[in-house]
Amino acid sequence: MAEKNQQQSFASGNGYSRKDEESATLHSEDELKRQKRIKLVMYIGAFIVFQIIVMTVFGLTVMKVKTPKVRLGGINVLNLNSVPATPSFDTTFTTQIRVKNTNWGPYKFDAGIATFMYQGMAMGQVSIPKSKAGMRSTKKIDVTVSLNSNGLPSSNLGSDLNGGLLTLSSQAKLTGKVELMFIMKKKKSANMDCTIAFDLSSKTVQTLQCK
């Protein structure tokens, strides 16, 4: 009889033990699932933050449209003659009109004109053909410029020629559109304002400044 009671007690004890083990196993599985859900939420949150950062950087860099720049390149003087007594001068030189596009898309611009002046008075012009500056590149257009002082007032010209330094300016304006991602087009006008100083004695360019 005592042996039977011991067997029942042992069986009962094993029953409780199995229930405790099953409960612990279920609790462990629930804990694992909870941790997995937490990790999943953290991953999703990190991905969303990453996407926001990427889109912000993309919008501030790639999608930001900057105004292209137009500048004169190096000048090669072919001839330069001056007569202070008259006073008069004539010159022919080659140069480049450079359209610099720093955007992540091409800049397509219409035909334009570059005007060369002495003290604000036009002396000559060169045509800028319709063209395109590629993505983050510079379009270089070779031109030959011929200028003379015919029609210019001689009041200041004589003193400039006697001083051995002839200063001219050049201006141009190009209108066009910057294309981004083949879907967005933004109108942009590029302006050129350059100053050229010729050394009459050496018949070379002393300075070339553009802004």
N, C-alpha and C. Protein backbone atom coordinates (compact mmCIF):
# COMPACT_ATOMS: atom_id res chain seq x y z
N MET A 1 0.84 -1.22 0.00
CA MET A 1 0.00 0.00 0.00
C MET A 1 0.85 1.25 0.00
N ALA A 2 1.89 1.20 0.84
CA ALA A 2 2.83 2.34 0.90
C ALA A 2 3.53 2.48 -0.42
N GLU A 3 3.89 1.36 -1.03
CA GLU A 3 4.58 1.43 -2.34
C GLU A 3 3.69 2.03 -3.39
N LYS A 4 2.39 1.72 -3.31
CA LYS A 4 1.44 2.27 -4.29
C LYS A 4 1.31 3.76 -4.13
N ASN A 5 1.27 4.21 -2.86
CA ASN A 5 1.18 5.67 -2.62
C ASN A 5 2.42 6.38 -3.12
N GLN A 6 3.59 5.72 -2.97
CA GLN A 6 4.83 6.34 -3.45
C GLN A 6 4.81 6.45 -4.97
N GLN A 7 4.28 5.44 -5.66
CA GLN A 7 4.20 5.49 -7.12
C GLN A 7 3.28 6.60 -7.58
N GLN A 8 2.14 6.75 -6.84
CA GLN A 8 1.20 7.82 -7.22
C GLN A 8 1.83 9.18 -7.01
N SER A 9 2.57 9.29 -5.88
CA SER A 9 3.23 10.57 -5.58
C SER A 9 4.27 10.88 -6.63
N PHE A 10 5.01 9.87 -7.04
CA PHE A 10 6.05 10.07 -8.06
C PHE A 10 5.45 10.47 -9.40
N ALA A 11 4.34 9.80 -9.74
CA ALA A 11 3.66 10.14 -11.00
C ALA A 11 3.13 11.54 -10.97
N SER A 12 2.56 11.86 -9.77
CA SER A 12 2.03 13.23 -9.64
C SER A 12 3.14 14.24 -9.76
N GLY A 13 4.28 13.91 -9.12
CA GLY A 13 5.43 14.82 -9.21
C GLY A 13 5.90 14.98 -10.63
N ASN A 14 5.96 13.91 -11.38
CA ASN A 14 6.37 13.99 -12.80
C ASN A 14 5.40 14.81 -13.62
N GLY A 15 4.11 14.76 -13.29
CA GLY A 15 3.11 15.55 -14.02
C GLY A 15 3.35 17.01 -13.86
N TYR A 16 3.59 17.40 -12.59
CA TYR A 16 3.89 18.83 -12.35
C TYR A 16 5.17 19.26 -13.05
N SER A 17 6.15 18.35 -13.05
CA SER A 17 7.43 18.66 -13.69
C SER A 17 7.25 18.88 -15.19
N ARG A 18 6.45 18.03 -15.82
CA ARG A 18 6.22 18.18 -17.26
C ARG A 18 5.48 19.47 -17.56
N LYS A 19 4.51 19.81 -16.72
CA LYS A 19 3.77 21.06 -16.92
C LYS A 19 4.68 22.27 -16.78
N ASP A 20 5.58 22.20 -15.79
CA ASP A 20 6.53 23.31 -15.60
C ASP A 20 7.45 23.44 -16.80
N GLU A 21 7.89 22.29 -17.32
CA GLU A 21 8.78 22.32 -18.48
C GLU A 21 8.06 22.88 -19.71
N GLU A 22 6.81 22.46 -19.93
CA GLU A 22 6.04 22.96 -21.05
C GLU A 22 5.80 24.46 -20.92
N SER A 23 5.50 24.88 -19.69
CA SER A 23 5.26 26.32 -19.45
C SER A 23 6.53 27.12 -19.71
N ALA A 24 7.66 26.59 -19.26
CA ALA A 24 8.93 27.28 -19.47
C ALA A 24 9.26 27.35 -20.96
N THR A 25 8.96 26.25 -21.66
CA THR A 25 9.24 26.23 -23.10
C THR A 25 8.38 27.25 -23.84
N LEU A 26 7.09 27.31 -23.50
CA LEU A 26 6.19 28.28 -24.13
C LEU A 26 6.63 29.71 -23.82
N HIS A 27 7.04 29.91 -22.57
CA HIS A 27 7.51 31.26 -22.17
C HIS A 27 8.75 31.65 -22.96
N SER A 28 9.66 30.67 -23.13
CA SER A 28 10.89 30.93 -23.89
C SER A 28 10.57 31.25 -25.35
N GLU A 29 9.63 30.50 -25.94
CA GLU A 29 9.25 30.75 -27.34
C GLU A 29 8.61 32.13 -27.49
N ASP A 30 7.74 32.50 -26.53
CA ASP A 30 7.11 33.82 -26.57
C ASP A 30 8.16 34.92 -26.45
N GLU A 31 9.16 34.67 -25.59
CA GLU A 31 10.22 35.67 -25.40
C GLU A 31 11.04 35.83 -26.68
N LEU A 32 11.31 34.71 -27.35
CA LEU A 32 12.05 34.78 -28.62
C LEU A 32 11.26 35.54 -29.68
N LYS A 33 9.95 35.23 -29.74
CA LYS A 33 9.10 35.93 -30.70
C LYS A 33 9.06 37.43 -30.42
N ARG A 34 8.98 37.77 -29.12
CA ARG A 34 8.95 39.19 -28.74
C ARG A 34 10.24 39.90 -29.13
N GLN A 35 11.36 39.23 -28.90
CA GLN A 35 12.65 39.81 -29.26
C GLN A 35 12.79 39.97 -30.78
N LYS A 36 12.26 38.98 -31.52
CA LYS A 36 12.30 39.07 -32.97
C LYS A 36 11.46 40.25 -33.47
N ARG A 37 10.27 40.44 -32.84
CA ARG A 37 9.42 41.57 -33.22
C ARG A 37 10.10 42.91 -32.93
N ILE A 38 10.76 42.96 -31.76
CA ILE A 38 11.47 44.19 -31.40
C ILE A 38 12.59 44.47 -32.40
N LYS A 39 13.34 43.42 -32.77
CA LYS A 39 14.42 43.59 -33.74
C LYS A 39 13.87 44.03 -35.09
N LEU A 40 12.73 43.43 -35.49
CA LEU A 40 12.12 43.78 -36.77
C LEU A 40 11.71 45.25 -36.78
N VAL A 41 11.08 45.69 -35.69
CA VAL A 41 10.67 47.10 -35.59
C VAL A 41 11.89 48.02 -35.63
N MET A 42 12.98 47.61 -34.96
CA MET A 42 14.20 48.41 -34.96
C MET A 42 14.80 48.49 -36.37
N TYR A 43 14.80 47.34 -37.08
CA TYR A 43 15.32 47.33 -38.44
C TYR A 43 14.49 48.23 -39.37
N ILE A 44 13.17 48.14 -39.24
CA ILE A 44 12.29 48.96 -40.06
C ILE A 44 12.51 50.44 -39.76
N GLY A 45 12.62 50.77 -38.45
CA GLY A 45 12.88 52.16 -38.07
C GLY A 45 14.20 52.66 -38.60
N ALA A 46 15.26 51.83 -38.50
CA ALA A 46 16.58 52.22 -39.01
C ALA A 46 16.53 52.40 -40.53
N PHE A 47 15.79 51.53 -41.22
CA PHE A 47 15.68 51.65 -42.68
C PHE A 47 14.97 52.94 -43.07
N ILE A 48 13.90 53.28 -42.35
CA ILE A 48 13.16 54.51 -42.64
C ILE A 48 14.05 55.74 -42.42
N VAL A 49 14.81 55.74 -41.30
CA VAL A 49 15.72 56.85 -41.02
C VAL A 49 16.78 56.96 -42.12
N PHE A 50 17.32 55.79 -42.53
CA PHE A 50 18.32 55.77 -43.59
C PHE A 50 17.76 56.35 -44.90
N GLN A 51 16.53 55.95 -45.24
CA GLN A 51 15.89 56.45 -46.45
C GLN A 51 15.68 57.96 -46.38
N ILE A 52 15.30 58.46 -45.21
CA ILE A 52 15.10 59.91 -45.05
C ILE A 52 16.42 60.65 -45.25
N ILE A 53 17.50 60.08 -44.68
CA ILE A 53 18.82 60.71 -44.84
C ILE A 53 19.24 60.70 -46.30
N VAL A 54 19.05 59.57 -46.98
CA VAL A 54 19.42 59.46 -48.39
C VAL A 54 18.63 60.45 -49.24
N MET A 55 17.32 60.54 -49.00
CA MET A 55 16.48 61.46 -49.77
C MET A 55 16.85 62.91 -49.50
N THR A 56 17.21 63.21 -48.24
CA THR A 56 17.62 64.58 -47.91
C THR A 56 18.91 64.95 -48.62
N VAL A 57 19.90 64.04 -48.55
CA VAL A 57 21.17 64.29 -49.23
C VAL A 57 20.96 64.39 -50.74
N PHE A 58 20.11 63.51 -51.26
CA PHE A 58 19.81 63.50 -52.70
C PHE A 58 19.18 64.83 -53.12
N GLY A 59 18.26 65.31 -52.29
CA GLY A 59 17.58 66.57 -52.61
C GLY A 59 18.49 67.78 -52.52
N LEU A 60 19.45 67.72 -51.57
CA LEU A 60 20.36 68.86 -51.38
C LEU A 60 21.52 68.86 -52.35
N THR A 61 21.80 67.74 -52.99
CA THR A 61 22.93 67.66 -53.91
C THR A 61 22.48 67.41 -55.35
N VAL A 62 22.04 66.21 -55.59
CA VAL A 62 21.71 65.82 -56.96
C VAL A 62 20.57 66.65 -57.54
N MET A 63 19.50 66.85 -56.76
CA MET A 63 18.32 67.53 -57.29
C MET A 63 18.37 69.05 -57.15
N LYS A 64 19.42 69.57 -56.54
CA LYS A 64 19.55 71.02 -56.43
C LYS A 64 20.11 71.58 -57.73
N VAL A 65 19.39 72.50 -58.35
CA VAL A 65 19.79 73.05 -59.65
C VAL A 65 20.62 74.31 -59.44
N LYS A 66 21.84 74.28 -59.95
CA LYS A 66 22.74 75.43 -59.85
C LYS A 66 22.81 76.16 -61.19
N THR A 67 23.05 77.45 -61.12
CA THR A 67 23.16 78.25 -62.34
C THR A 67 24.50 77.98 -63.02
N PRO A 68 24.49 77.56 -64.29
CA PRO A 68 25.76 77.34 -65.01
C PRO A 68 26.55 78.65 -65.13
N LYS A 69 27.84 78.52 -65.34
CA LYS A 69 28.71 79.68 -65.46
C LYS A 69 29.27 79.79 -66.88
N VAL A 70 29.37 81.02 -67.37
CA VAL A 70 29.95 81.28 -68.69
C VAL A 70 31.20 82.12 -68.49
N ARG A 71 32.30 81.68 -69.05
CA ARG A 71 33.58 82.37 -68.88
C ARG A 71 34.36 82.34 -70.19
N LEU A 72 35.30 83.28 -70.33
CA LEU A 72 36.26 83.21 -71.41
C LEU A 72 37.42 82.34 -70.97
N GLY A 73 37.93 81.55 -71.92
CA GLY A 73 39.11 80.75 -71.65
C GLY A 73 40.37 81.54 -71.97
N GLY A 74 41.48 80.84 -72.12
CA GLY A 74 42.73 81.51 -72.44
C GLY A 74 42.65 82.25 -73.78
N ILE A 75 43.34 83.37 -73.85
CA ILE A 75 43.32 84.21 -75.05
C ILE A 75 44.68 84.13 -75.75
N ASN A 76 44.63 83.86 -77.04
CA ASN A 76 45.84 83.82 -77.87
C ASN A 76 45.79 85.00 -78.85
N VAL A 77 46.66 85.97 -78.63
CA VAL A 77 46.67 87.18 -79.46
C VAL A 77 47.35 86.88 -80.80
N LEU A 78 46.61 87.09 -81.89
CA LEU A 78 47.16 86.89 -83.23
C LEU A 78 47.83 88.16 -83.72
N ASN A 79 47.19 89.28 -83.48
CA ASN A 79 47.85 90.56 -83.79
C ASN A 79 47.25 91.66 -82.91
N LEU A 80 48.06 92.66 -82.62
CA LEU A 80 47.64 93.78 -81.77
C LEU A 80 48.45 95.00 -82.18
N ASN A 81 47.77 95.96 -82.78
CA ASN A 81 48.43 97.18 -83.24
C ASN A 81 47.77 98.39 -82.60
N SER A 82 48.57 99.32 -82.18
CA SER A 82 48.04 100.54 -81.58
C SER A 82 48.85 101.76 -82.01
N VAL A 83 48.15 102.89 -82.20
CA VAL A 83 48.78 104.17 -82.58
C VAL A 83 48.26 105.23 -81.62
N PRO A 84 49.03 105.53 -80.58
CA PRO A 84 48.57 106.50 -79.57
C PRO A 84 48.29 107.89 -80.15
N ALA A 85 49.02 108.28 -81.17
CA ALA A 85 48.87 109.63 -81.71
C ALA A 85 47.51 109.82 -82.38
N THR A 86 46.97 108.78 -82.96
CA THR A 86 45.74 108.93 -83.74
C THR A 86 44.50 109.28 -82.92
N PRO A 87 44.14 108.65 -81.79
CA PRO A 87 44.57 107.32 -81.33
C PRO A 87 43.70 106.23 -81.95
N SER A 88 44.28 105.04 -82.12
CA SER A 88 43.53 103.92 -82.69
C SER A 88 44.22 102.60 -82.35
N PHE A 89 43.46 101.54 -82.49
CA PHE A 89 44.05 100.21 -82.30
C PHE A 89 43.18 99.19 -83.02
N ASP A 90 43.77 98.05 -83.30
CA ASP A 90 43.03 96.91 -83.83
C ASP A 90 43.70 95.64 -83.32
N THR A 91 42.88 94.63 -83.11
CA THR A 91 43.40 93.36 -82.59
C THR A 91 42.56 92.19 -83.07
N THR A 92 43.23 91.06 -83.20
CA THR A 92 42.55 89.80 -83.50
C THR A 92 43.11 88.74 -82.56
N PHE A 93 42.21 88.00 -81.93
CA PHE A 93 42.66 86.95 -81.02
C PHE A 93 41.66 85.79 -81.01
N THR A 94 42.17 84.66 -80.59
CA THR A 94 41.30 83.50 -80.43
C THR A 94 41.11 83.24 -78.94
N THR A 95 39.95 82.69 -78.62
CA THR A 95 39.65 82.35 -77.23
C THR A 95 38.58 81.27 -77.20
N GLN A 96 38.20 80.87 -76.03
CA GLN A 96 37.12 79.90 -75.85
C GLN A 96 36.03 80.49 -74.97
N ILE A 97 34.80 80.25 -75.36
CA ILE A 97 33.68 80.56 -74.48
C ILE A 97 33.32 79.24 -73.79
N ARG A 98 33.48 79.23 -72.49
CA ARG A 98 33.29 78.00 -71.73
C ARG A 98 32.02 78.07 -70.89
N VAL A 99 31.17 77.09 -71.10
CA VAL A 99 29.92 76.99 -70.34
C VAL A 99 30.08 75.83 -69.36
N LYS A 100 30.26 76.17 -68.09
CA LYS A 100 30.49 75.17 -67.06
C LYS A 100 29.18 74.79 -66.37
N ASN A 101 28.86 73.51 -66.42
CA ASN A 101 27.62 73.00 -65.83
C ASN A 101 27.97 72.03 -64.70
N THR A 102 27.65 72.40 -63.46
CA THR A 102 27.97 71.55 -62.30
C THR A 102 26.77 70.73 -61.84
N ASN A 103 25.71 70.70 -62.63
CA ASN A 103 24.49 69.97 -62.26
C ASN A 103 24.59 68.49 -62.66
N TRP A 104 23.72 67.68 -62.01
CA TRP A 104 23.64 66.25 -62.32
C TRP A 104 22.67 66.01 -63.47
N GLY A 105 22.77 66.82 -64.48
CA GLY A 105 21.94 66.72 -65.67
C GLY A 105 22.43 67.73 -66.69
N PRO A 106 22.15 67.53 -67.97
CA PRO A 106 22.66 68.44 -69.01
C PRO A 106 22.00 69.81 -68.98
N TYR A 107 22.76 70.81 -69.44
CA TYR A 107 22.24 72.17 -69.59
C TYR A 107 22.16 72.48 -71.08
N LYS A 108 20.94 72.56 -71.58
CA LYS A 108 20.72 72.86 -73.00
C LYS A 108 20.40 74.35 -73.13
N PHE A 109 21.24 75.06 -73.89
CA PHE A 109 21.06 76.50 -73.99
C PHE A 109 20.84 76.94 -75.44
N ASP A 110 20.14 78.05 -75.59
CA ASP A 110 19.86 78.62 -76.91
C ASP A 110 21.07 79.42 -77.41
N ALA A 111 21.01 79.79 -78.67
CA ALA A 111 22.08 80.60 -79.26
C ALA A 111 22.15 81.96 -78.56
N GLY A 112 23.35 82.50 -78.45
CA GLY A 112 23.53 83.79 -77.80
C GLY A 112 24.63 84.60 -78.47
N ILE A 113 24.94 85.72 -77.88
CA ILE A 113 25.96 86.62 -78.43
C ILE A 113 26.87 87.10 -77.30
N ALA A 114 28.17 87.09 -77.57
CA ALA A 114 29.14 87.68 -76.64
C ALA A 114 29.59 89.01 -77.23
N THR A 115 29.46 90.07 -76.44
CA THR A 115 29.79 91.42 -76.90
C THR A 115 31.09 91.89 -76.23
N PHE A 116 31.98 92.47 -77.03
CA PHE A 116 33.24 93.02 -76.54
C PHE A 116 33.16 94.54 -76.56
N MET A 117 33.58 95.16 -75.46
CA MET A 117 33.37 96.60 -75.29
C MET A 117 34.63 97.30 -74.77
N TYR A 118 34.67 98.59 -75.07
CA TYR A 118 35.67 99.48 -74.49
C TYR A 118 34.93 100.57 -73.73
N GLN A 119 35.12 100.60 -72.42
CA GLN A 119 34.44 101.55 -71.54
C GLN A 119 32.93 101.58 -71.78
N GLY A 120 32.35 100.38 -71.91
CA GLY A 120 30.91 100.24 -72.05
C GLY A 120 30.38 100.42 -73.46
N MET A 121 31.25 100.75 -74.42
CA MET A 121 30.83 100.95 -75.82
C MET A 121 31.17 99.71 -76.64
N ALA A 122 30.16 99.16 -77.31
CA ALA A 122 30.34 97.92 -78.06
C ALA A 122 31.30 98.13 -79.23
N MET A 123 32.21 97.16 -79.38
CA MET A 123 33.17 97.20 -80.48
C MET A 123 32.99 96.04 -81.45
N GLY A 124 32.48 94.93 -80.95
CA GLY A 124 32.32 93.76 -81.80
C GLY A 124 31.60 92.65 -81.06
N GLN A 125 31.15 91.68 -81.82
CA GLN A 125 30.41 90.56 -81.24
C GLN A 125 30.82 89.24 -81.88
N VAL A 126 30.60 88.16 -81.15
CA VAL A 126 30.76 86.81 -81.70
C VAL A 126 29.52 86.00 -81.32
N SER A 127 29.15 85.11 -82.20
CA SER A 127 27.95 84.29 -81.96
C SER A 127 28.30 83.05 -81.15
N ILE A 128 27.39 82.71 -80.25
CA ILE A 128 27.49 81.48 -79.47
C ILE A 128 26.39 80.55 -79.97
N PRO A 129 26.74 79.45 -80.62
CA PRO A 129 25.70 78.58 -81.19
C PRO A 129 24.90 77.83 -80.12
N LYS A 130 23.71 77.45 -80.49
CA LYS A 130 22.87 76.62 -79.63
C LYS A 130 23.59 75.31 -79.36
N SER A 131 23.67 74.91 -78.10
CA SER A 131 24.43 73.71 -77.79
C SER A 131 24.01 73.13 -76.44
N LYS A 132 24.83 72.24 -75.92
CA LYS A 132 24.53 71.58 -74.64
C LYS A 132 25.81 71.33 -73.86
N ALA A 133 25.77 71.67 -72.58
CA ALA A 133 26.86 71.32 -71.66
C ALA A 133 26.40 70.09 -70.89
N GLY A 134 27.13 69.01 -71.02
CA GLY A 134 26.73 67.76 -70.41
C GLY A 134 26.74 67.80 -68.88
N MET A 135 26.27 66.73 -68.28
CA MET A 135 26.22 66.62 -66.83
C MET A 135 27.61 66.80 -66.24
N ARG A 136 27.74 67.77 -65.32
CA ARG A 136 28.98 68.04 -64.61
C ARG A 136 30.18 68.12 -65.56
N SER A 137 30.01 68.92 -66.61
CA SER A 137 31.08 69.10 -67.60
C SER A 137 31.07 70.53 -68.13
N THR A 138 32.06 70.84 -68.93
CA THR A 138 32.20 72.18 -69.49
C THR A 138 32.19 72.11 -71.01
N LYS A 139 31.30 72.87 -71.60
CA LYS A 139 31.23 72.97 -73.05
C LYS A 139 32.17 74.09 -73.50
N LYS A 140 33.10 73.77 -74.40
CA LYS A 140 34.08 74.74 -74.87
C LYS A 140 33.80 75.09 -76.34
N ILE A 141 33.66 76.37 -76.58
CA ILE A 141 33.34 76.85 -77.93
C ILE A 141 34.47 77.77 -78.39
N ASP A 142 35.18 77.37 -79.43
CA ASP A 142 36.29 78.17 -79.95
C ASP A 142 35.76 79.32 -80.81
N VAL A 143 36.28 80.51 -80.58
CA VAL A 143 35.86 81.69 -81.37
C VAL A 143 37.08 82.52 -81.72
N THR A 144 36.95 83.26 -82.82
CA THR A 144 37.97 84.23 -83.23
C THR A 144 37.35 85.61 -83.17
N VAL A 145 38.02 86.52 -82.49
CA VAL A 145 37.48 87.86 -82.26
C VAL A 145 38.36 88.89 -82.96
N SER A 146 37.72 89.77 -83.75
CA SER A 146 38.43 90.87 -84.41
C SER A 146 37.81 92.19 -83.97
N LEU A 147 38.62 93.07 -83.43
CA LEU A 147 38.13 94.34 -82.91
C LEU A 147 38.99 95.49 -83.41
N ASN A 148 38.35 96.67 -83.55
CA ASN A 148 39.11 97.88 -83.85
C ASN A 148 38.41 99.07 -83.21
N SER A 149 39.13 100.18 -83.16
CA SER A 149 38.64 101.36 -82.44
C SER A 149 37.81 102.31 -83.30
N ASN A 150 37.48 101.90 -84.51
CA ASN A 150 36.66 102.77 -85.37
C ASN A 150 35.35 103.12 -84.69
N GLY A 151 35.06 104.39 -84.62
CA GLY A 151 33.81 104.85 -84.02
C GLY A 151 33.90 105.12 -82.54
N LEU A 152 35.02 104.83 -81.93
CA LEU A 152 35.17 105.10 -80.50
C LEU A 152 35.62 106.55 -80.28
N PRO A 153 35.12 107.21 -79.26
CA PRO A 153 35.61 108.56 -78.93
C PRO A 153 37.07 108.47 -78.47
N SER A 154 37.84 109.48 -78.80
CA SER A 154 39.28 109.43 -78.55
C SER A 154 39.68 110.07 -77.22
N SER A 155 38.72 110.52 -76.43
CA SER A 155 39.03 111.26 -75.21
C SER A 155 39.92 110.47 -74.25
N ASN A 156 39.53 109.26 -73.91
CA ASN A 156 40.31 108.45 -72.98
C ASN A 156 41.20 107.43 -73.68
N LEU A 157 40.89 107.12 -74.90
CA LEU A 157 41.63 106.09 -75.62
C LEU A 157 43.10 106.47 -75.78
N GLY A 158 43.36 107.73 -76.10
CA GLY A 158 44.74 108.17 -76.29
C GLY A 158 45.58 107.97 -75.04
N SER A 159 45.04 108.33 -73.88
CA SER A 159 45.79 108.19 -72.64
C SER A 159 46.02 106.73 -72.29
N ASP A 160 45.03 105.87 -72.59
CA ASP A 160 45.20 104.44 -72.33
C ASP A 160 46.30 103.85 -73.21
N LEU A 161 46.30 104.24 -74.48
CA LEU A 161 47.31 103.72 -75.40
C LEU A 161 48.70 104.23 -75.04
N ASN A 162 48.78 105.47 -74.62
CA ASN A 162 50.06 106.02 -74.18
C ASN A 162 50.56 105.31 -72.92
N GLY A 163 49.64 104.89 -72.09
CA GLY A 163 50.00 104.18 -70.87
C GLY A 163 50.43 102.75 -71.11
N GLY A 164 50.21 102.25 -72.32
CA GLY A 164 50.66 100.89 -72.68
C GLY A 164 49.74 99.78 -72.22
N LEU A 165 48.55 100.11 -71.72
CA LEU A 165 47.61 99.09 -71.24
C LEU A 165 46.21 99.37 -71.79
N LEU A 166 45.68 98.42 -72.51
CA LEU A 166 44.34 98.55 -73.09
C LEU A 166 43.41 97.57 -72.38
N THR A 167 42.35 98.12 -71.78
CA THR A 167 41.41 97.28 -71.03
C THR A 167 40.08 97.21 -71.75
N LEU A 168 39.66 95.98 -72.04
CA LEU A 168 38.36 95.73 -72.69
C LEU A 168 37.51 94.85 -71.79
N SER A 169 36.23 94.81 -72.07
CA SER A 169 35.32 93.94 -71.32
C SER A 169 34.48 93.13 -72.28
N SER A 170 33.94 92.03 -71.76
CA SER A 170 33.09 91.17 -72.59
C SER A 170 31.93 90.68 -71.75
N GLN A 171 30.75 90.70 -72.35
CA GLN A 171 29.54 90.26 -71.65
C GLN A 171 28.72 89.34 -72.55
N ALA A 172 28.01 88.43 -71.92
CA ALA A 172 27.13 87.52 -72.66
C ALA A 172 26.08 86.98 -71.71
N LYS A 173 24.97 86.55 -72.29
CA LYS A 173 23.90 85.92 -71.51
C LYS A 173 23.34 84.75 -72.30
N LEU A 174 23.29 83.59 -71.63
CA LEU A 174 22.73 82.40 -72.26
C LEU A 174 21.49 81.96 -71.48
N THR A 175 20.46 81.60 -72.20
CA THR A 175 19.24 81.10 -71.57
C THR A 175 19.02 79.65 -71.99
N GLY A 176 18.60 78.85 -71.03
CA GLY A 176 18.38 77.45 -71.34
C GLY A 176 17.72 76.72 -70.18
N LYS A 177 17.80 75.40 -70.21
CA LYS A 177 17.17 74.57 -69.18
C LYS A 177 18.12 73.47 -68.72
N VAL A 178 18.09 73.24 -67.42
CA VAL A 178 18.81 72.11 -66.85
C VAL A 178 17.83 70.96 -66.70
N GLU A 179 18.19 69.79 -67.22
CA GLU A 179 17.31 68.62 -67.14
C GLU A 179 17.85 67.65 -66.10
N LEU A 180 16.97 67.24 -65.18
CA LEU A 180 17.35 66.29 -64.13
C LEU A 180 16.46 65.06 -64.19
N MET A 181 17.08 63.91 -64.18
CA MET A 181 16.36 62.63 -64.13
C MET A 181 15.39 62.46 -65.29
N PHE A 182 15.62 63.16 -66.37
CA PHE A 182 14.79 63.08 -67.58
C PHE A 182 13.34 63.51 -67.36
N ILE A 183 13.03 64.05 -66.19
CA ILE A 183 11.64 64.42 -65.92
C ILE A 183 11.51 65.88 -65.47
N MET A 184 12.55 66.40 -64.83
CA MET A 184 12.46 67.76 -64.30
C MET A 184 13.31 68.70 -65.14
N LYS A 185 12.72 69.83 -65.53
CA LYS A 185 13.44 70.83 -66.30
C LYS A 185 13.34 72.18 -65.57
N LYS A 186 14.49 72.80 -65.39
CA LYS A 186 14.54 74.07 -64.67
C LYS A 186 15.22 75.12 -65.54
N LYS A 187 14.52 76.24 -65.76
CA LYS A 187 15.10 77.32 -66.56
C LYS A 187 16.22 78.01 -65.80
N LYS A 188 17.34 78.21 -66.49
CA LYS A 188 18.48 78.89 -65.90
C LYS A 188 19.15 79.79 -66.94
N SER A 189 19.52 81.00 -66.50
CA SER A 189 20.23 81.93 -67.36
C SER A 189 21.66 82.09 -66.85
N ALA A 190 22.62 81.92 -67.74
CA ALA A 190 24.03 82.04 -67.37
C ALA A 190 24.58 83.35 -67.92
N ASN A 191 25.26 84.11 -67.08
CA ASN A 191 25.79 85.41 -67.47
C ASN A 191 27.31 85.43 -67.42
N MET A 192 27.91 86.16 -68.37
CA MET A 192 29.36 86.31 -68.43
C MET A 192 29.71 87.79 -68.30
N ASP A 193 30.72 88.07 -67.49
CA ASP A 193 31.22 89.43 -67.34
C ASP A 193 32.73 89.33 -67.12
N CYS A 194 33.49 89.57 -68.18
CA CYS A 194 34.94 89.41 -68.13
C CYS A 194 35.65 90.72 -68.46
N THR A 195 36.83 90.88 -67.88
CA THR A 195 37.67 92.04 -68.15
C THR A 195 39.02 91.55 -68.66
N ILE A 196 39.46 92.13 -69.79
CA ILE A 196 40.71 91.73 -70.43
C ILE A 196 41.64 92.93 -70.49
N ALA A 197 42.85 92.76 -69.99
CA ALA A 197 43.85 93.83 -70.04
C ALA A 197 44.98 93.40 -70.97
N PHE A 198 45.20 94.15 -72.05
CA PHE A 198 46.26 93.86 -73.01
C PHE A 198 47.49 94.71 -72.71
N ASP A 199 48.65 94.07 -72.72
CA ASP A 199 49.92 94.79 -72.61
C ASP A 199 50.34 95.15 -74.04
N LEU A 200 50.30 96.44 -74.35
CA LEU A 200 50.55 96.86 -75.73
C LEU A 200 52.01 96.70 -76.14
N SER A 201 52.92 96.77 -75.22
CA SER A 201 54.33 96.65 -75.57
C SER A 201 54.70 95.20 -75.93
N SER A 202 54.21 94.26 -75.14
CA SER A 202 54.51 92.85 -75.42
C SER A 202 53.46 92.20 -76.31
N LYS A 203 52.37 92.91 -76.55
CA LYS A 203 51.26 92.41 -77.37
C LYS A 203 50.74 91.06 -76.85
N THR A 204 50.54 91.03 -75.54
CA THR A 204 50.01 89.84 -74.89
C THR A 204 48.90 90.25 -73.91
N VAL A 205 48.22 89.27 -73.38
CA VAL A 205 47.19 89.53 -72.38
C VAL A 205 47.87 89.58 -71.01
N GLN A 206 47.70 90.69 -70.31
CA GLN A 206 48.28 90.81 -68.98
C GLN A 206 47.41 90.13 -67.94
N THR A 207 46.10 90.41 -67.99
CA THR A 207 45.16 89.76 -67.05
C THR A 207 43.85 89.46 -67.75
N LEU A 208 43.21 88.40 -67.27
CA LEU A 208 41.86 88.05 -67.72
C LEU A 208 41.08 87.67 -66.46
N GLN A 209 40.07 88.45 -66.16
CA GLN A 209 39.25 88.21 -64.96
C GLN A 209 37.79 88.10 -65.35
N CYS A 210 37.14 87.06 -64.85
CA CYS A 210 35.72 86.85 -65.12
C CYS A 210 34.97 86.66 -63.81
N LYS A 211 33.74 87.13 -63.78
CA LYS A 211 32.90 86.96 -62.59
C LYS A 211 31.48 86.64 -62.98
